């Protein structure tokens, strides 16, 4: 799923607005990546936290490597990180998380 796929689900937004939102989101990802570059002293999740955007970083094996405070505030008794894995109590949400993504 690409960012444009997500934006098309927004509903009543026009295509032009969807493209603007997609490019803005892409730019935020670039900023966070640059902030996390070697020697910058700032992690990508911390950069997004400064913008009050929730972020969770996964390593190459799918383990949770980092979670910022904004994302942590979203979690409740139904969503937790345990042993570097994301756990969801809701059966429907758990099913969606286990479903393989289609690119």
N, C-alpha and C. Protein backbone atom coordinates (compact mmCIF):
# COMPACT_ATOMS: atom_id res chain seq x y z
N UNK A 1 0.84 -1.17 0.00
CA UNK A 1 0.00 0.00 0.00
C UNK A 1 0.89 1.24 0.00
N UNK A 2 0.64 2.14 -0.89
CA UNK A 2 1.42 3.37 -0.96
C UNK A 2 0.68 4.50 -0.26
N UNK A 3 1.35 5.63 -0.09
CA UNK A 3 0.73 6.78 0.55
C UNK A 3 -0.46 7.28 -0.25
N UNK A 4 -0.39 7.15 -1.57
CA UNK A 4 -1.53 7.57 -2.39
C UNK A 4 -2.72 6.65 -2.18
N UNK A 5 -2.47 5.37 -1.92
CA UNK A 5 -3.56 4.45 -1.61
C UNK A 5 -4.27 4.87 -0.33
N UNK A 6 -3.49 5.26 0.66
CA UNK A 6 -4.06 5.71 1.92
C UNK A 6 -4.86 6.99 1.72
N UNK A 7 -4.29 7.93 0.97
CA UNK A 7 -4.96 9.21 0.76
C UNK A 7 -6.28 9.04 0.00
N UNK A 8 -6.35 8.07 -0.89
CA UNK A 8 -7.58 7.90 -1.66
C UNK A 8 -8.72 7.44 -0.77
N UNK A 9 -8.40 6.92 0.42
CA UNK A 9 -9.42 6.48 1.35
C UNK A 9 -9.94 7.64 2.20
N UNK A 10 -9.36 8.83 2.08
CA UNK A 10 -9.76 9.96 2.90
C UNK A 10 -11.20 10.35 2.64
N UNK A 11 -11.69 10.16 1.47
CA UNK A 11 -13.10 10.40 1.21
C UNK A 11 -13.34 11.53 0.26
N UNK A 12 -13.78 12.66 0.81
CA UNK A 12 -14.26 13.76 -0.02
C UNK A 12 -13.17 14.69 -0.54
N UNK A 13 -11.93 14.40 -0.26
CA UNK A 13 -10.86 15.27 -0.76
C UNK A 13 -10.70 15.12 -2.26
N UNK A 14 -10.40 16.22 -2.90
CA UNK A 14 -10.14 16.15 -4.33
C UNK A 14 -8.76 15.55 -4.57
N UNK A 15 -8.53 15.08 -5.75
CA UNK A 15 -7.27 14.43 -6.11
C UNK A 15 -6.10 15.36 -5.85
N UNK A 16 -6.26 16.63 -6.18
CA UNK A 16 -5.19 17.61 -5.96
C UNK A 16 -4.82 17.69 -4.48
N UNK A 17 -5.81 17.73 -3.61
CA UNK A 17 -5.56 17.79 -2.18
C UNK A 17 -4.90 16.51 -1.69
N UNK A 18 -5.31 15.38 -2.24
CA UNK A 18 -4.70 14.11 -1.88
C UNK A 18 -3.22 14.10 -2.22
N UNK A 19 -2.86 14.61 -3.38
CA UNK A 19 -1.45 14.65 -3.80
C UNK A 19 -0.64 15.56 -2.89
N UNK A 20 -1.22 16.68 -2.49
CA UNK A 20 -0.53 17.60 -1.59
C UNK A 20 -0.27 16.91 -0.25
N UNK A 21 -1.29 16.23 0.28
CA UNK A 21 -1.12 15.51 1.54
C UNK A 21 -0.07 14.42 1.42
N UNK A 22 -0.08 13.70 0.31
CA UNK A 22 0.89 12.63 0.10
C UNK A 22 2.31 13.18 0.05
N UNK A 23 2.52 14.30 -0.64
CA UNK A 23 3.86 14.86 -0.73
C UNK A 23 4.31 15.42 0.62
N UNK A 24 3.39 15.98 1.39
CA UNK A 24 3.71 16.50 2.72
C UNK A 24 4.15 15.35 3.63
N UNK A 25 3.42 14.25 3.60
CA UNK A 25 3.77 13.10 4.42
C UNK A 25 5.12 12.54 4.00
N UNK A 26 5.36 12.45 2.71
CA UNK A 26 6.65 11.99 2.22
C UNK A 26 7.77 12.87 2.71
N UNK A 27 7.56 14.17 2.71
CA UNK A 27 8.59 15.11 3.17
C UNK A 27 8.87 14.93 4.66
N UNK A 28 7.83 14.69 5.46
CA UNK A 28 8.04 14.44 6.88
C UNK A 28 8.90 13.21 7.11
N UNK A 29 8.69 12.19 6.30
CA UNK A 29 9.50 10.98 6.40
C UNK A 29 10.95 11.29 6.06
N UNK A 30 11.17 12.11 5.01
CA UNK A 30 12.54 12.50 4.64
C UNK A 30 13.20 13.27 5.77
N UNK A 31 12.48 14.19 6.40
CA UNK A 31 13.03 14.99 7.51
C UNK A 31 13.41 14.08 8.66
N UNK A 32 12.53 13.15 9.00
CA UNK A 32 12.81 12.23 10.10
C UNK A 32 14.01 11.36 9.79
N UNK A 33 14.13 10.92 8.54
CA UNK A 33 15.28 10.10 8.16
C UNK A 33 16.57 10.89 8.24
N UNK A 34 16.53 12.13 7.80
CA UNK A 34 17.74 12.98 7.87
C UNK A 34 18.11 13.25 9.32
N UNK A 35 17.10 13.42 10.18
CA UNK A 35 17.36 13.66 11.60
C UNK A 35 18.03 12.45 12.23
N UNK A 36 17.70 11.28 11.72
CA UNK A 36 18.28 10.06 12.27
C UNK A 36 19.57 9.63 11.60
N UNK A 37 20.08 10.46 10.71
CA UNK A 37 21.33 10.12 10.01
C UNK A 37 22.48 10.03 11.00
N UNK A 38 23.48 9.26 10.65
CA UNK A 38 24.64 9.06 11.50
C UNK A 38 25.27 10.40 11.88
N UNK A 39 25.47 10.60 13.17
CA UNK A 39 26.11 11.81 13.65
C UNK A 39 25.16 12.96 13.91
N UNK A 40 23.87 12.79 13.63
CA UNK A 40 22.94 13.90 13.83
C UNK A 40 22.54 14.05 15.29
N UNK A 41 22.62 12.96 16.08
CA UNK A 41 22.26 13.03 17.49
C UNK A 41 20.77 12.98 17.73
N UNK A 42 19.97 12.86 16.69
CA UNK A 42 18.52 12.82 16.83
C UNK A 42 17.99 11.61 16.08
N UNK A 43 17.11 10.86 16.74
CA UNK A 43 16.51 9.71 16.07
C UNK A 43 15.33 10.17 15.23
N UNK A 44 14.97 9.41 14.21
CA UNK A 44 13.80 9.77 13.39
C UNK A 44 12.52 9.84 14.22
N UNK A 45 12.37 8.93 15.18
CA UNK A 45 11.16 8.95 16.00
C UNK A 45 11.13 10.19 16.90
N UNK A 46 12.30 10.63 17.37
CA UNK A 46 12.36 11.84 18.19
C UNK A 46 12.02 13.07 17.37
N UNK A 47 12.48 13.10 16.12
CA UNK A 47 12.16 14.23 15.24
C UNK A 47 10.66 14.32 15.01
N UNK A 48 10.03 13.18 14.76
CA UNK A 48 8.58 13.18 14.56
C UNK A 48 7.85 13.50 15.86
N UNK A 49 8.40 13.09 17.00
CA UNK A 49 7.80 13.42 18.29
C UNK A 49 7.81 14.93 18.51
N UNK A 50 8.88 15.60 18.08
CA UNK A 50 8.97 17.06 18.21
C UNK A 50 7.88 17.75 17.41
N UNK A 51 7.41 17.09 16.35
CA UNK A 51 6.32 17.63 15.54
C UNK A 51 4.96 17.10 16.02
N UNK A 52 4.98 16.42 17.18
CA UNK A 52 3.78 15.82 17.77
C UNK A 52 3.13 14.78 16.86
N UNK A 53 3.98 14.03 16.16
CA UNK A 53 3.51 12.95 15.29
C UNK A 53 3.95 11.62 15.88
N UNK A 54 3.01 10.68 16.05
CA UNK A 54 3.39 9.38 16.59
C UNK A 54 4.25 8.61 15.60
N UNK A 55 5.26 7.90 16.11
CA UNK A 55 6.13 7.12 15.24
C UNK A 55 6.65 5.90 15.99
N UNK A 56 6.73 4.81 15.25
CA UNK A 56 7.31 3.58 15.76
C UNK A 56 8.27 3.07 14.69
N UNK A 57 9.48 2.75 15.08
CA UNK A 57 10.48 2.24 14.14
C UNK A 57 10.63 0.75 14.35
N UNK A 58 10.64 0.02 13.24
CA UNK A 58 10.86 -1.42 13.28
C UNK A 58 12.22 -1.74 12.67
N UNK A 59 12.86 -2.76 13.20
CA UNK A 59 14.13 -3.17 12.61
C UNK A 59 13.86 -4.10 11.42
N UNK A 60 14.93 -4.60 10.80
CA UNK A 60 14.78 -5.41 9.60
C UNK A 60 14.08 -6.73 9.86
N UNK A 61 13.93 -7.12 11.12
CA UNK A 61 13.26 -8.37 11.46
C UNK A 61 11.82 -8.14 11.92
N UNK A 62 11.38 -6.90 11.93
CA UNK A 62 10.02 -6.58 12.34
C UNK A 62 9.87 -6.34 13.83
N UNK A 63 10.98 -6.29 14.56
CA UNK A 63 10.92 -5.99 15.99
C UNK A 63 10.83 -4.48 16.19
N UNK A 64 10.17 -4.07 17.25
CA UNK A 64 10.07 -2.65 17.56
C UNK A 64 11.42 -2.17 18.06
N UNK A 65 12.01 -1.22 17.34
CA UNK A 65 13.31 -0.68 17.69
C UNK A 65 13.18 0.60 18.52
N UNK A 66 12.12 1.37 18.27
CA UNK A 66 11.95 2.64 18.97
C UNK A 66 10.50 3.09 18.86
N UNK A 67 10.01 3.74 19.89
CA UNK A 67 8.67 4.32 19.90
C UNK A 67 8.79 5.68 20.55
N UNK A 68 8.21 6.70 19.92
CA UNK A 68 8.29 8.02 20.54
C UNK A 68 7.16 8.21 21.55
N UNK A 69 7.27 9.25 22.35
CA UNK A 69 6.30 9.50 23.42
C UNK A 69 4.90 9.76 22.87
N UNK A 70 4.81 10.40 21.72
CA UNK A 70 3.50 10.67 21.12
C UNK A 70 2.80 9.37 20.75
N UNK A 71 3.52 8.43 20.19
CA UNK A 71 2.94 7.12 19.86
C UNK A 71 2.60 6.36 21.13
N UNK A 72 3.48 6.43 22.12
CA UNK A 72 3.25 5.72 23.37
C UNK A 72 1.97 6.21 24.05
N UNK A 73 1.66 7.49 23.89
CA UNK A 73 0.45 8.05 24.48
C UNK A 73 -0.82 7.49 23.84
N UNK A 74 -0.71 7.00 22.61
CA UNK A 74 -1.86 6.42 21.90
C UNK A 74 -2.18 5.03 22.44
N UNK A 75 -1.17 4.34 22.94
CA UNK A 75 -1.37 2.97 23.41
C UNK A 75 -2.21 2.95 24.67
N UNK A 76 -3.04 1.92 24.80
CA UNK A 76 -3.81 1.69 26.02
C UNK A 76 -3.74 0.21 26.35
N UNK A 77 -4.69 -0.30 27.12
CA UNK A 77 -4.64 -1.73 27.50
C UNK A 77 -4.88 -2.65 26.30
N UNK A 78 -5.34 -2.12 25.17
CA UNK A 78 -5.58 -2.92 23.98
C UNK A 78 -4.40 -2.97 23.02
N UNK A 79 -3.46 -2.03 23.17
CA UNK A 79 -2.29 -1.97 22.29
C UNK A 79 -1.06 -1.84 23.18
N UNK A 80 -0.15 -2.78 23.05
CA UNK A 80 1.06 -2.76 23.88
C UNK A 80 2.27 -3.22 23.08
N UNK A 81 3.43 -2.86 23.57
CA UNK A 81 4.68 -3.40 23.04
C UNK A 81 5.26 -4.25 24.16
N UNK A 82 5.48 -5.52 23.84
CA UNK A 82 6.02 -6.45 24.82
C UNK A 82 7.11 -7.27 24.14
N UNK A 83 8.27 -7.31 24.76
CA UNK A 83 9.41 -8.03 24.19
C UNK A 83 9.69 -7.60 22.75
N UNK A 84 9.62 -6.28 22.53
CA UNK A 84 9.89 -5.67 21.23
C UNK A 84 8.91 -6.09 20.14
N UNK A 85 7.73 -6.56 20.52
CA UNK A 85 6.68 -6.94 19.57
C UNK A 85 5.44 -6.12 19.87
N UNK A 86 4.69 -5.78 18.81
CA UNK A 86 3.44 -5.04 18.95
C UNK A 86 2.32 -6.05 19.18
N UNK A 87 1.56 -5.87 20.26
CA UNK A 87 0.43 -6.72 20.58
C UNK A 87 -0.85 -5.91 20.57
N UNK A 88 -1.90 -6.49 19.96
CA UNK A 88 -3.20 -5.85 19.89
C UNK A 88 -4.23 -6.84 20.43
N UNK A 89 -5.04 -6.41 21.41
CA UNK A 89 -6.04 -7.29 22.01
C UNK A 89 -7.27 -7.47 21.14
N UNK A 90 -7.66 -6.46 20.41
CA UNK A 90 -8.86 -6.52 19.60
C UNK A 90 -8.71 -7.59 18.52
N UNK A 91 -9.58 -8.60 18.48
CA UNK A 91 -9.43 -9.69 17.49
C UNK A 91 -9.45 -9.21 16.04
N UNK A 92 -10.31 -8.26 15.72
CA UNK A 92 -10.36 -7.76 14.33
C UNK A 92 -9.07 -7.04 13.96
N UNK A 93 -8.54 -6.23 14.88
CA UNK A 93 -7.29 -5.52 14.63
C UNK A 93 -6.12 -6.50 14.54
N UNK A 94 -6.12 -7.51 15.39
CA UNK A 94 -5.07 -8.51 15.36
C UNK A 94 -5.05 -9.23 14.00
N UNK A 95 -6.23 -9.52 13.49
CA UNK A 95 -6.34 -10.17 12.18
C UNK A 95 -5.74 -9.29 11.10
N UNK A 96 -6.04 -7.98 11.15
CA UNK A 96 -5.50 -7.05 10.16
C UNK A 96 -3.98 -6.96 10.25
N UNK A 97 -3.44 -6.96 11.46
CA UNK A 97 -1.98 -6.88 11.62
C UNK A 97 -1.30 -8.12 11.07
N UNK A 98 -1.94 -9.28 11.19
CA UNK A 98 -1.34 -10.52 10.72
C UNK A 98 -1.49 -10.70 9.21
N UNK A 99 -2.41 -9.96 8.61
CA UNK A 99 -2.67 -10.08 7.17
C UNK A 99 -1.45 -9.57 6.40
N UNK A 100 -0.94 -10.35 5.45
CA UNK A 100 0.21 -9.87 4.66
C UNK A 100 -0.16 -8.64 3.83
N UNK A 101 0.74 -7.69 3.77
CA UNK A 101 0.48 -6.48 2.98
C UNK A 101 0.70 -6.77 1.51
N UNK A 102 -0.07 -6.08 0.69
CA UNK A 102 0.05 -6.22 -0.77
C UNK A 102 0.66 -4.95 -1.30
N UNK A 103 1.78 -5.07 -1.97
CA UNK A 103 2.45 -3.87 -2.50
C UNK A 103 2.14 -3.66 -3.93
